[in-house]
């Protein structure tokens, strides 16, 4: 029997066809019934198949008659998020590895028994390869259309694994193998260790092709194995789930660590720590000891099943935020561009709207499956309407950009996030966050802000994230350093083989790029520059531009958080005496800055409201903060 299904996602607790339910996990009566107990009932007339021993597939009795019929044609033991496969029940899974560097397949084996099984990796139109294990110590890799093509139109490579190299999980019942395949290699791993690796050459032909589906085969084993695939469908299914189900039990988003925090009380607290950590995109939490590992990639570098670990990524928080974008039983009436029929959900409706030029919002009616795409963000006349859900595309895009976008298109506005504490002052009334941002820009020492639209409060802060981020629906916040990180390094900003030595705030281990190191600096109070060492993945955060003793050093890279010349703005201030003769007044601040840097007598710039707000070069150097005419001055910080 061949069971074909969409790729298993490891993220959500699916009710998988072919499994007994979790309440009655043990199959018996040749797959027709499922028992809540793992023991047979004693019933002498049925002999060994009802003698009170451990229940098996061919058992005929269930202890206390606590059974339910198999929910499908034929069942295997319940295996949670693993898709069971056996001699009689093969599985074929469609996969989507587009834009992924590594294909990962997981196989769950019994700990005490050697099992002969095979994974067929296929592409549209034919075979790619297979991975076959005869036992715990012997197997082979087959590449289609490879080499001399003298073995089933391809070439087979036999290999061996050291005896005892495969380790059981902590439950003592199972071994989990990870098969990783790229265009250049195939690797079989167990508990993070490589058991066998084969590098591909040009002669390995279809082994180098992407996998569109995987099919299983098992010989000479009465029980079931488990299969899971880690591909793009994980993200697709994640978007359709409630946030709590984004937590993956007994699964580790391995490696790509930023840091580890001890004594964290829960997985949700660990996820909140990730949300407050610059550069963090996912976490792995160990309930047994409270260790919380913060990661720089959505699924780490080596995602794999691991008993006793709970993992999640910030897409979970994105689901919470995205759900607030949807207005239930509310119609963005009017301003229609077009109506699209036969759409499955309001989120699918929003995806359709992104393909329509000018699509700004949607209204979706589940009963008719009709999707109306609008050119105004909330339609022409928004109103309550039962059975219609509406959503703004702009709101959804802010969520996706913040969580998975990286530098390109990064949005510095953090909706539903509070930067508590570290207040310079509160200003009221301030009606928009843009006005609040402008106040921060001209306020000495302001590096972040929080705005509450409902009360028009604007809090200016002297620390990048206040005293630490917290989720709060009624406010929005901005870390001003984000704009520096968002823009990316200017030309010559990153100094290769150069050390900003000294002036260290702290060293952060396990940072794999200078970009992540810079993001950490943006969130660190007092940090203005960094040095990164790729060979050791160390990141030094500095409290002085260029450090204390800048010098050449091979193998490190350094940059200032703000590259180039940094000008400080002083409201209601002026500098005495013009620096050029005759006096030249500039329409552009940028032009005035360039002319000031080229003029040895110039120590700053003063903008004159009484001269059409033009800019003048001044000698200074003293800044007088009492301008009676609301002048504004600019000096190099």
Foldseek 3Di string as FASTA:
>chain_A
DEAEDAAQALQFFDPDAQADDPCFFAAACQFFKGHNDQWAAADPVVPPLRRGHGHAHHRDGHVVNRMDTRPHPGHAGDDTSFDKADQVYKYKYFADAPPPQKWKKKKKAWDPDFWWKKKFFCDVPGGAKMWTDPGQFKTKIWGACFDPLPPVNTDIDIGTFDPPPFDAAPVNTIWMWMWMAGLFKIFIDTPPDTRDIDTDDPRSPSSNPDGRMMMMHTPDDRHIMTMHIHHPVNVVVCLVDALVSSKRAQKALDAQFQDKDWDAQDPVSLQQVQVFFFQFFKWKAQNVTGIITTHNDNSHPDIDGHHRIIMHTCVSVLSVQQVVQKDAQKALDAQFPDKDFDAQDLVSLLVVQVVDVQFFKWKAANVRRMITTHNDQSHDDMDGHHRIMMGTNVSSVQSCCCNPVFLVPHDQKAAQKALPAQFPDKDPQAQDVVSLVVVLQQDPQFFKWKAFNVGNIITTHNAQRHVTMDGGNRMMMGGNLVVLLSVPADVVQKDAQKDLPAQFPDKTFSAQDVSSLLSNQSRGRQFFKWKAANVRRMITTHNDASHDDMDGHHRMMMGTSDDDWDKHKAKQKDFDDFQDPPWDWAPDPVVVVVVQVVRPQFFWWKQAVVVVRTITTHNGNDIGNHHPRTIMMMGGD
